[in-house]
Every structure is written in structure tokens, then in C-alpha cells.
Amino acid sequence: MMKSHLFISFGLLIAAIFFMRGLEALAEPGLGLREVYILGGFLVAGLLIHAGWKERKAR
């Protein structure tokens, strides 16, 4: 049970961090590697949250 909470918590923390980085990136013009990095962070956060949710539903 604790594993699912940890996955969801870390996923939300990573999402919050990359949300703040995304807001900083919006202030700058153009698209580049920074935006790809931020999207990758959201992908990792989403996967962690999804894995935690699946683990929680399984129990």
C-alpha cells in the first residue's frame, strides 16, 4: 500500500517541478531542447502516477 502512495507522491512532486520549469520556458521565445526536457519530465511524472494508481487499484 505504501508503494502506491510513494509513486503517486513522487509523480506529483516531479509534475509540480516541471510545471514551474514549463512556466519559465513559456516566457522565452522559441522551441528547443528545454521544452523537450520539460515534456519528458511530464511523461515520467505521468508514468509514476499511473503506476501508483494501478498498484492502488490492484489492492
Protein backbone atom coordinates (compact mmCIF):
# COMPACT_ATOMS: atom_id res chain seq x y z
CA MET A 1 0.00 0.00 0.00
CA MET A 2 2.84 2.37 0.80
CA LYS A 3 4.44 1.76 -2.61
CA SER A 4 1.44 3.21 -4.43
CA HIS A 5 1.46 6.30 -2.23
CA LEU A 6 5.16 6.83 -2.85
CA PHE A 7 4.75 6.53 -6.62
CA ILE A 8 1.84 8.95 -6.68
CA SER A 9 3.61 11.40 -4.36
CA PHE A 10 6.85 11.39 -6.35
CA GLY A 11 4.89 11.72 -9.57
CA LEU A 12 3.04 14.76 -8.27
CA LEU A 13 6.28 16.29 -6.98
CA ILE A 14 8.01 15.83 -10.33
CA ALA A 15 4.94 17.22 -12.13
CA ALA A 16 5.00 20.32 -9.90
CA ILE A 17 8.70 20.88 -10.54
CA PHE A 18 8.33 20.54 -14.28
CA PHE A 19 5.22 22.72 -14.23
CA MET A 20 7.31 25.52 -12.72
CA ARG A 21 10.06 24.92 -15.30
CA GLY A 22 7.41 24.96 -18.02
CA LEU A 23 6.17 28.35 -16.89
CA GLU A 24 9.74 29.67 -17.09
CA ALA A 25 10.14 28.20 -20.58
CA LEU A 26 6.94 29.89 -21.78
CA ALA A 27 8.47 33.27 -21.01
CA GLU A 28 11.23 32.65 -23.54
CA PRO A 29 10.53 32.67 -27.28
CA GLY A 30 11.02 29.65 -29.48
CA LEU A 31 11.07 25.91 -29.01
CA GLY A 32 14.17 23.90 -28.24
CA LEU A 33 15.70 21.17 -26.15
CA ARG A 34 14.48 22.75 -22.94
CA GLU A 35 10.87 22.17 -23.93
CA VAL A 36 11.61 18.56 -24.89
CA TYR A 37 13.25 18.10 -21.47
CA ILE A 38 10.16 19.51 -19.76
CA LEU A 39 7.82 17.25 -21.76
CA GLY A 40 10.00 14.29 -20.80
CA GLY A 41 9.64 15.27 -17.16
CA PHE A 42 5.87 15.35 -17.50
CA LEU A 43 5.99 11.94 -19.17
CA VAL A 44 7.99 10.48 -16.27
CA ALA A 45 5.63 12.08 -13.75
CA GLY A 46 2.61 10.69 -15.59
CA LEU A 47 4.09 7.21 -15.69
CA LEU A 48 4.81 7.31 -11.96
CA ILE A 49 1.31 8.47 -11.14
CA HIS A 50 -0.18 5.85 -13.45
CA ALA A 51 1.92 3.06 -11.89
CA GLY A 52 0.91 4.18 -8.40
CA TRP A 53 -2.74 4.34 -9.37
CA LYS A 54 -2.61 0.83 -10.88
CA GLU A 55 -0.92 -0.51 -7.74
CA ARG A 56 -3.55 1.13 -5.56
CA LYS A 57 -6.45 -0.25 -7.63
CA ALA A 58 -4.91 -3.73 -7.53
CA ARG A 59 -5.15 -3.74 -3.74
